[in-house]
Amino acid sequence: ETKDLDATHVKIQELVNQLKGYVQDDKSGKNYQQLYR
């Protein structure tokens, strides 16, 4: 769980770039109780 989805997503992207990787898949959505990614 995170308090800020966008901030967590930015952190992930920065780590991926720093460690010379890439994002293979990226999905987001909403259900009754959550916003998720």
All heavy atoms as atom14 arrays in JSON, in Angstrom:
{
  "sequence": "ETKDLDATHVKIQELVNQLKGYVQDDKSGKNYQQLYR",
  "atom14_mask": [
    [1, 1, 1, 1, 1, 1, 1, 1, 1, 0, 0, 0, 0, 0],
    [1, 1, 1, 1, 1, 1, 1, 0, 0, 0, 0, 0, 0, 0],
    [1, 1, 1, 1, 1, 1, 1, 1, 1, 0, 0, 0, 0, 0],
    [1, 1, 1, 1, 1, 1, 1, 1, 0, 0, 0, 0, 0, 0],
    [1, 1, 1, 1, 1, 1, 1, 1, 0, 0, 0, 0, 0, 0],
    [1, 1, 1, 1, 1, 1, 1, 1, 0, 0, 0, 0, 0, 0],
    [1, 1, 1, 1, 1, 0, 0, 0, 0, 0, 0, 0, 0, 0],
    [1, 1, 1, 1, 1, 1, 1, 0, 0, 0, 0, 0, 0, 0],
    [1, 1, 1, 1, 1, 1, 1, 1, 1, 1, 0, 0, 0, 0],
    [1, 1, 1, 1, 1, 1, 1, 0, 0, 0, 0, 0, 0, 0],
    [1, 1, 1, 1, 1, 1, 1, 1, 1, 0, 0, 0, 0, 0],
    [1, 1, 1, 1, 1, 1, 1, 1, 0, 0, 0, 0, 0, 0],
    [1, 1, 1, 1, 1, 1, 1, 1, 1, 0, 0, 0, 0, 0],
    [1, 1, 1, 1, 1, 1, 1, 1, 1, 0, 0, 0, 0, 0],
    [1, 1, 1, 1, 1, 1, 1, 1, 0, 0, 0, 0, 0, 0],
    [1, 1, 1, 1, 1, 1, 1, 0, 0, 0, 0, 0, 0, 0],
    [1, 1, 1, 1, 1, 1, 1, 1, 0, 0, 0, 0, 0, 0],
    [1, 1, 1, 1, 1, 1, 1, 1, 1, 0, 0, 0, 0, 0],
    [1, 1, 1, 1, 1, 1, 1, 1, 0, 0, 0, 0, 0, 0],
    [1, 1, 1, 1, 1, 1, 1, 1, 1, 0, 0, 0, 0, 0],
    [1, 1, 1, 1, 0, 0, 0, 0, 0, 0, 0, 0, 0, 0],
    [1, 1, 1, 1, 1, 1, 1, 1, 1, 1, 1, 1, 0, 0],
    [1, 1, 1, 1, 1, 1, 1, 0, 0, 0, 0, 0, 0, 0],
    [1, 1, 1, 1, 1, 1, 1, 1, 1, 0, 0, 0, 0, 0],
    [1, 1, 1, 1, 1, 1, 1, 1, 0, 0, 0, 0, 0, 0],
    [1, 1, 1, 1, 1, 1, 1, 1, 0, 0, 0, 0, 0, 0],
    [1, 1, 1, 1, 1, 1, 1, 1, 1, 0, 0, 0, 0, 0],
    [1, 1, 1, 1, 1, 1, 0, 0, 0, 0, 0, 0, 0, 0],
    [1, 1, 1, 1, 0, 0, 0, 0, 0, 0, 0, 0, 0, 0],
    [1, 1, 1, 1, 1, 1, 1, 1, 1, 0, 0, 0, 0, 0],
    [1, 1, 1, 1, 1, 1, 1, 1, 0, 0, 0, 0, 0, 0],
    [1, 1, 1, 1, 1, 1, 1, 1, 1, 1, 1, 1, 0, 0],
    [1, 1, 1, 1, 1, 1, 1, 1, 1, 0, 0, 0, 0, 0],
    [1, 1, 1, 1, 1, 1, 1, 1, 1, 0, 0, 0, 0, 0],
    [1, 1, 1, 1, 1, 1, 1, 1, 0, 0, 0, 0, 0, 0],
    [1, 1, 1, 1, 1, 1, 1, 1, 1, 1, 1, 1, 0, 0],
    [1, 1, 1, 1, 1, 1, 1, 1, 1, 1, 1, 0, 0, 0]
  ],
  "atom14_positions": [
    [[0.85, -1.2, 0.0], [0.0, 0.0, 0.0], [0.88, 1.25, 0.0], [1.95, 1.26, 0.6], [-0.92, 0.0, 1.22], [-1.91, 1.16, 1.24], [-2.85, 1.1, 2.44], [-2.67, 0.2, 3.29], [-3.76, 1.96, 2.52], [0.0, 0.0, 0.0], [0.0, 0.0, 0.0], [0.0, 0.0, 0.0], [0.0, 0.0, 0.0], [0.0, 0.0, 0.0]],
    [[0.42, 2.27, -0.68], [1.14, 3.53, -0.72], [0.17, 4.7, -0.53], [-1.02, 4.56, -0.84], [1.89, 3.69, -2.06], [2.59, 4.93, -2.07], [0.93, 3.65, -3.23], [0.0, 0.0, 0.0], [0.0, 0.0, 0.0], [0.0, 0.0, 0.0], [0.0, 0.0, 0.0], [0.0, 0.0, 0.0], [0.0, 0.0, 0.0], [0.0, 0.0, 0.0]],
    [[0.68, 5.8, -0.05], [-0.17, 6.98, 0.14], [-0.27, 7.83, -1.12], [-1.21, 8.62, -1.25], [0.37, 7.82, 1.31], [0.32, 7.1, 2.65], [0.89, 7.97, 3.77], [0.83, 7.24, 5.1], [1.41, 8.06, 6.2], [0.0, 0.0, 0.0], [0.0, 0.0, 0.0], [0.0, 0.0, 0.0], [0.0, 0.0, 0.0], [0.0, 0.0, 0.0]],
    [[0.69, 7.67, -2.02], [0.71, 8.48, -3.24], [1.11, 7.59, -4.41], [2.28, 7.21, -4.54], [1.69, 9.64, -3.07], [1.56, 10.67, -4.19], [1.12, 10.29, -5.29], [1.92, 11.84, -3.97], [0.0, 0.0, 0.0], [0.0, 0.0, 0.0], [0.0, 0.0, 0.0], [0.0, 0.0, 0.0], [0.0, 0.0, 0.0], [0.0, 0.0, 0.0]],
    [[0.14, 7.24, -5.26], [0.42, 6.37, -6.4], [1.41, 6.99, -7.37], [2.34, 6.33, -7.84], [-0.88, 6.05, -7.15], [-1.85, 5.05, -6.51], [-3.1, 4.93, -7.37], [-1.19, 3.68, -6.38], [0.0, 0.0, 0.0], [0.0, 0.0, 0.0], [0.0, 0.0, 0.0], [0.0, 0.0, 0.0], [0.0, 0.0, 0.0], [0.0, 0.0, 0.0]],
    [[1.23, 8.26, -7.67], [2.09, 8.92, -8.65], [3.53, 9.0, -8.16], [4.47, 8.75, -8.93], [1.55, 10.32, -8.97], [0.2, 10.28, -9.68], [-0.06, 9.27, -10.36], [-0.57, 11.24, -9.54], [0.0, 0.0, 0.0], [0.0, 0.0, 0.0], [0.0, 0.0, 0.0], [0.0, 0.0, 0.0], [0.0, 0.0, 0.0], [0.0, 0.0, 0.0]],
    [[3.72, 9.35, -6.9], [5.07, 9.44, -6.36], [5.77, 8.08, -6.37], [6.96, 7.98, -6.69], [5.03, 9.99, -4.93], [0.0, 0.0, 0.0], [0.0, 0.0, 0.0], [0.0, 0.0, 0.0], [0.0, 0.0, 0.0], [0.0, 0.0, 0.0], [0.0, 0.0, 0.0], [0.0, 0.0, 0.0], [0.0, 0.0, 0.0], [0.0, 0.0, 0.0]],
    [[5.03, 7.03, -6.02], [5.6, 5.67, -6.04], [5.96, 5.26, -7.47], [7.01, 4.65, -7.7], [4.61, 4.66, -5.44], [4.28, 5.06, -4.11], [5.2, 3.27, -5.42], [0.0, 0.0, 0.0], [0.0, 0.0, 0.0], [0.0, 0.0, 0.0], [0.0, 0.0, 0.0], [0.0, 0.0, 0.0], [0.0, 0.0, 0.0], [0.0, 0.0, 0.0]],
    [[5.1, 5.61, -8.42], [5.38, 5.28, -9.82], [6.63, 6.0, -10.31], [7.46, 5.42, -11.04], [4.18, 5.64, -10.69], [4.33, 5.22, -12.12], [4.75, 6.09, -13.1], [4.13, 4.02, -12.72], [4.79, 5.45, -14.25], [4.43, 4.19, -14.05], [0.0, 0.0, 0.0], [0.0, 0.0, 0.0], [0.0, 0.0, 0.0], [0.0, 0.0, 0.0]],
    [[6.8, 7.25, -9.94], [7.99, 8.02, -10.32], [9.24, 7.39, -9.72], [10.29, 7.27, -10.37], [7.86, 9.49, -9.88], [9.19, 10.22, -10.03], [6.77, 10.19, -10.68], [0.0, 0.0, 0.0], [0.0, 0.0, 0.0], [0.0, 0.0, 0.0], [0.0, 0.0, 0.0], [0.0, 0.0, 0.0], [0.0, 0.0, 0.0], [0.0, 0.0, 0.0]],
    [[9.14, 6.96, -8.46], [10.27, 6.32, -7.79], [10.68, 5.03, -8.52], [11.87, 4.77, -8.7], [9.9, 6.02, -6.33], [11.0, 5.33, -5.55], [10.55, 5.03, -4.12], [11.64, 4.31, -3.36], [11.22, 4.01, -1.95], [0.0, 0.0, 0.0], [0.0, 0.0, 0.0], [0.0, 0.0, 0.0], [0.0, 0.0, 0.0], [0.0, 0.0, 0.0]],
    [[9.68, 4.25, -8.91], [9.97, 3.01, -9.64], [10.68, 3.32, -10.95], [11.67, 2.68, -11.32], [8.66, 2.23, -9.89], [8.11, 1.7, -8.56], [8.9, 1.08, -10.86], [6.73, 1.1, -8.67], [0.0, 0.0, 0.0], [0.0, 0.0, 0.0], [0.0, 0.0, 0.0], [0.0, 0.0, 0.0], [0.0, 0.0, 0.0], [0.0, 0.0, 0.0]],
    [[10.19, 4.31, -11.68], [10.78, 4.67, -12.97], [12.23, 5.14, -12.8], [13.11, 4.79, -13.6], [9.94, 5.75, -13.65], [10.32, 6.03, -15.09], [10.08, 4.83, -15.99], [8.96, 4.35, -16.12], [11.15, 4.35, -16.6], [0.0, 0.0, 0.0], [0.0, 0.0, 0.0], [0.0, 0.0, 0.0], [0.0, 0.0, 0.0], [0.0, 0.0, 0.0]],
    [[12.48, 5.92, -11.75], [13.84, 6.39, -11.5], [14.78, 5.23, -11.18], [15.93, 5.19, -11.66], [13.83, 7.39, -10.34], [13.18, 8.72, -10.7], [13.1, 9.66, -9.5], [13.37, 9.19, -8.37], [12.77, 10.85, -9.69], [0.0, 0.0, 0.0], [0.0, 0.0, 0.0], [0.0, 0.0, 0.0], [0.0, 0.0, 0.0], [0.0, 0.0, 0.0]],
    [[14.3, 4.27, -10.37], [15.13, 3.11, -10.06], [15.42, 2.28, -11.3], [16.55, 1.8, -11.49], [14.42, 2.24, -9.01], [14.66, 2.58, -7.54], [13.75, 1.73, -6.66], [16.11, 2.36, -7.15], [0.0, 0.0, 0.0], [0.0, 0.0, 0.0], [0.0, 0.0, 0.0], [0.0, 0.0, 0.0], [0.0, 0.0, 0.0], [0.0, 0.0, 0.0]],
    [[14.41, 2.1, -12.13], [14.59, 1.32, -13.36], [15.63, 1.96, -14.25], [16.53, 1.29, -14.79], [13.24, 1.17, -14.1], [13.46, 0.59, -15.49], [12.29, 0.28, -13.32], [0.0, 0.0, 0.0], [0.0, 0.0, 0.0], [0.0, 0.0, 0.0], [0.0, 0.0, 0.0], [0.0, 0.0, 0.0], [0.0, 0.0, 0.0], [0.0, 0.0, 0.0]],
    [[15.55, 3.28, -14.43], [16.53, 3.98, -15.27], [17.93, 3.92, -14.66], [18.93, 3.74, -15.38], [16.11, 5.43, -15.45], [14.81, 5.56, -16.24], [14.46, 4.69, -17.02], [14.09, 6.65, -16.03], [0.0, 0.0, 0.0], [0.0, 0.0, 0.0], [0.0, 0.0, 0.0], [0.0, 0.0, 0.0], [0.0, 0.0, 0.0], [0.0, 0.0, 0.0]],
    [[17.99, 4.05, -13.35], [19.29, 4.03, -12.66], [19.97, 2.67, -12.78], [21.2, 2.59, -12.93], [19.08, 4.38, -11.18], [20.35, 4.36, -10.34], [20.05, 4.64, -8.88], [18.98, 5.11, -8.52], [21.03, 4.36, -8.02], [0.0, 0.0, 0.0], [0.0, 0.0, 0.0], [0.0, 0.0, 0.0], [0.0, 0.0, 0.0], [0.0, 0.0, 0.0]],
    [[19.17, 1.6, -12.75], [19.72, 0.24, -12.8], [19.69, -0.36, -14.2], [19.82, -1.58, -14.37], [18.94, -0.66, -11.83], [19.01, -0.22, -10.35], [18.11, -1.1, -9.49], [20.45, -0.27, -9.85], [0.0, 0.0, 0.0], [0.0, 0.0, 0.0], [0.0, 0.0, 0.0], [0.0, 0.0, 0.0], [0.0, 0.0, 0.0], [0.0, 0.0, 0.0]],
    [[19.49, 0.5, -15.21], [19.6, 0.11, -16.62], [18.59, -0.97, -17.01], [18.91, -1.93, -17.71], [21.02, -0.36, -16.93], [22.06, 0.71, -16.68], [23.48, 0.21, -16.95], [24.5, 1.31, -16.67], [25.88, 0.85, -16.92], [0.0, 0.0, 0.0], [0.0, 0.0, 0.0], [0.0, 0.0, 0.0], [0.0, 0.0, 0.0], [0.0, 0.0, 0.0]],
    [[17.35, -0.8, -16.54], [16.28, -1.72, -16.93], [15.25, -1.01, -17.78], [15.48, 0.08, -18.3], [0.0, 0.0, 0.0], [0.0, 0.0, 0.0], [0.0, 0.0, 0.0], [0.0, 0.0, 0.0], [0.0, 0.0, 0.0], [0.0, 0.0, 0.0], [0.0, 0.0, 0.0], [0.0, 0.0, 0.0], [0.0, 0.0, 0.0], [0.0, 0.0, 0.0]],
    [[14.09, -1.63, -17.9], [13.0, -1.01, -18.66], [11.67, -1.52, -18.13], [11.59, -2.6, -17.51], [13.13, -1.28, -20.15], [12.97, -2.73, -20.56], [11.72, -3.25, -20.93], [14.06, -3.59, -20.58], [11.58, -4.57, -21.31], [13.93, -4.92, -20.96], [12.68, -5.4, -21.32], [12.53, -6.72, -21.68], [0.0, 0.0, 0.0], [0.0, 0.0, 0.0]],
    [[10.62, -0.74, -18.38], [9.27, -1.12, -17.96], [8.64, -1.95, -19.08], [8.47, -1.47, -20.19], [8.41, 0.12, -17.66], [6.98, -0.29, -17.34], [9.0, 0.92, -16.51], [0.0, 0.0, 0.0], [0.0, 0.0, 0.0], [0.0, 0.0, 0.0], [0.0, 0.0, 0.0], [0.0, 0.0, 0.0], [0.0, 0.0, 0.0], [0.0, 0.0, 0.0]],
    [[8.3, -3.18, -18.76], [7.7, -4.07, -19.75], [6.19, -3.91, -19.84], [5.6, -4.01, -20.91], [8.04, -5.53, -19.41], [7.48, -6.54, -20.41], [7.88, -7.96, -20.07], [8.67, -8.19, -19.16], [7.35, -8.92, -20.78], [0.0, 0.0, 0.0], [0.0, 0.0, 0.0], [0.0, 0.0, 0.0], [0.0, 0.0, 0.0], [0.0, 0.0, 0.0]],
    [[5.55, -3.66, -18.7], [4.1, -3.56, -18.66], [3.7, -2.56, -17.58], [4.3, -2.53, -16.51], [3.49, -4.94, -18.38], [2.01, -4.99, -18.71], [1.54, -4.06, -19.37], [1.33, -5.94, -18.28], [0.0, 0.0, 0.0], [0.0, 0.0, 0.0], [0.0, 0.0, 0.0], [0.0, 0.0, 0.0], [0.0, 0.0, 0.0], [0.0, 0.0, 0.0]],
    [[2.66, -1.77, -17.86], [2.22, -0.75, -16.9], [0.71, -0.6, -17.02], [0.19, -0.17, -18.05], [2.91, 0.59, -17.19], [2.7, 1.61, -16.07], [1.81, 1.4, -15.24], [3.43, 2.61, -16.05], [0.0, 0.0, 0.0], [0.0, 0.0, 0.0], [0.0, 0.0, 0.0], [0.0, 0.0, 0.0], [0.0, 0.0, 0.0], [0.0, 0.0, 0.0]],
    [[-0.02, -0.98, -15.96], [-1.48, -0.93, -15.96], [-1.98, -0.22, -14.7], [-1.36, -0.32, -13.64], [-2.09, -2.34, -16.01], [-1.72, -3.13, -17.26], [-2.31, -4.53, -17.2], [-1.93, -5.35, -18.42], [-2.45, -6.74, -18.35], [0.0, 0.0, 0.0], [0.0, 0.0, 0.0], [0.0, 0.0, 0.0], [0.0, 0.0, 0.0], [0.0, 0.0, 0.0]],
    [[-3.1, 0.47, -14.82], [-3.71, 1.14, -13.66], [-5.21, 0.93, -13.7], [-5.79, 0.67, -14.76], [-3.38, 2.64, -13.66], [-3.86, 3.26, -14.84], [0.0, 0.0, 0.0], [0.0, 0.0, 0.0], [0.0, 0.0, 0.0], [0.0, 0.0, 0.0], [0.0, 0.0, 0.0], [0.0, 0.0, 0.0], [0.0, 0.0, 0.0], [0.0, 0.0, 0.0]],
    [[-5.85, 1.04, -12.53], [-7.29, 0.82, -12.49], [-7.88, 1.22, -11.14], [-7.17, 1.71, -10.24], [0.0, 0.0, 0.0], [0.0, 0.0, 0.0], [0.0, 0.0, 0.0], [0.0, 0.0, 0.0], [0.0, 0.0, 0.0], [0.0, 0.0, 0.0], [0.0, 0.0, 0.0], [0.0, 0.0, 0.0], [0.0, 0.0, 0.0], [0.0, 0.0, 0.0]],
    [[-9.18, 0.99, -11.01], [-9.91, 1.37, -9.81], [-10.97, 0.32, -9.52], [-11.63, -0.18, -10.43], [-10.56, 2.74, -10.01], [-11.4, 3.22, -8.83], [-12.04, 4.57, -9.14], [-12.89, 5.06, -7.98], [-13.54, 6.36, -8.27], [0.0, 0.0, 0.0], [0.0, 0.0, 0.0], [0.0, 0.0, 0.0], [0.0, 0.0, 0.0], [0.0, 0.0, 0.0]],
    [[-11.12, -0.02, -8.27], [-12.22, -0.88, -7.85], [-12.95, -0.21, -6.68], [-12.73, 0.97, -6.4], [-11.74, -2.29, -7.5], [-10.65, -2.27, -6.44], [-10.62, -1.38, -5.59], [-9.74, -3.24, -6.48], [0.0, 0.0, 0.0], [0.0, 0.0, 0.0], [0.0, 0.0, 0.0], [0.0, 0.0, 0.0], [0.0, 0.0, 0.0], [0.0, 0.0, 0.0]],
    [[-13.79, -0.96, -6.0], [-14.65, -0.37, -4.97], [-13.84, 0.24, -3.83], [-14.21, 1.25, -3.25], [-15.61, -1.43, -4.42], [-16.51, -0.93, -3.31], [-17.54, -0.04, -3.58], [-16.31, -1.35, -1.99], [-18.36, 0.42, -2.55], [-17.13, -0.9, -0.97], [-18.16, -0.01, -1.26], [-18.96, 0.45, -0.25], [0.0, 0.0, 0.0], [0.0, 0.0, 0.0]],
    [[-12.73, -0.35, -3.49], [-11.98, 0.08, -2.32], [-10.62, 0.69, -2.62], [-10.0, 1.27, -1.74], [-11.75, -1.12, -1.38], [-13.04, -1.68, -0.81], [-12.78, -2.86, 0.11], [-11.7, -3.43, 0.09], [-13.76, -3.2, 0.92], [0.0, 0.0, 0.0], [0.0, 0.0, 0.0], [0.0, 0.0, 0.0], [0.0, 0.0, 0.0], [0.0, 0.0, 0.0]],
    [[-10.13, 0.54, -3.85], [-8.75, 0.92, -4.11], [-8.57, 1.62, -5.46], [-9.33, 1.4, -6.4], [-7.85, -0.34, -4.12], [-7.79, -1.1, -2.83], [-6.99, -2.38, -3.0], [-6.69, -2.8, -4.11], [-6.66, -3.01, -1.89], [0.0, 0.0, 0.0], [0.0, 0.0, 0.0], [0.0, 0.0, 0.0], [0.0, 0.0, 0.0], [0.0, 0.0, 0.0]],
    [[-7.53, 2.42, -5.5], [-6.9, 2.85, -6.75], [-5.59, 2.06, -6.81], [-4.83, 2.04, -5.83], [-6.62, 4.35, -6.74], [-7.84, 5.28, -6.72], [-7.37, 6.73, -6.55], [-8.65, 5.15, -8.0], [0.0, 0.0, 0.0], [0.0, 0.0, 0.0], [0.0, 0.0, 0.0], [0.0, 0.0, 0.0], [0.0, 0.0, 0.0], [0.0, 0.0, 0.0]],
    [[-5.31, 1.41, -7.93], [-4.14, 0.53, -7.97], [-3.36, 0.71, -9.27], [-3.86, 1.27, -10.26], [-4.56, -0.93, -7.81], [-5.4, -1.45, -8.95], [-4.83, -1.99, -10.09], [-6.79, -1.41, -8.88], [-5.61, -2.47, -11.14], [-7.58, -1.88, -9.91], [-6.99, -2.4, -11.04], [-7.76, -2.86, -12.07], [0.0, 0.0, 0.0], [0.0, 0.0, 0.0]],
    [[-2.16, 0.18, -9.25], [-1.3, 0.2, -10.43], [-0.43, -1.06, -10.42], [0.09, -1.45, -9.36], [-0.43, 1.45, -10.44], [0.21, 1.75, -11.79], [0.46, 3.23, -11.91], [0.81, 3.59, -13.29], [0.88, 4.85, -13.73], [0.6, 5.86, -12.9], [1.21, 5.11, -14.97], [0.0, 0.0, 0.0], [0.0, 0.0, 0.0], [0.0, 0.0, 0.0]]
  ]
}
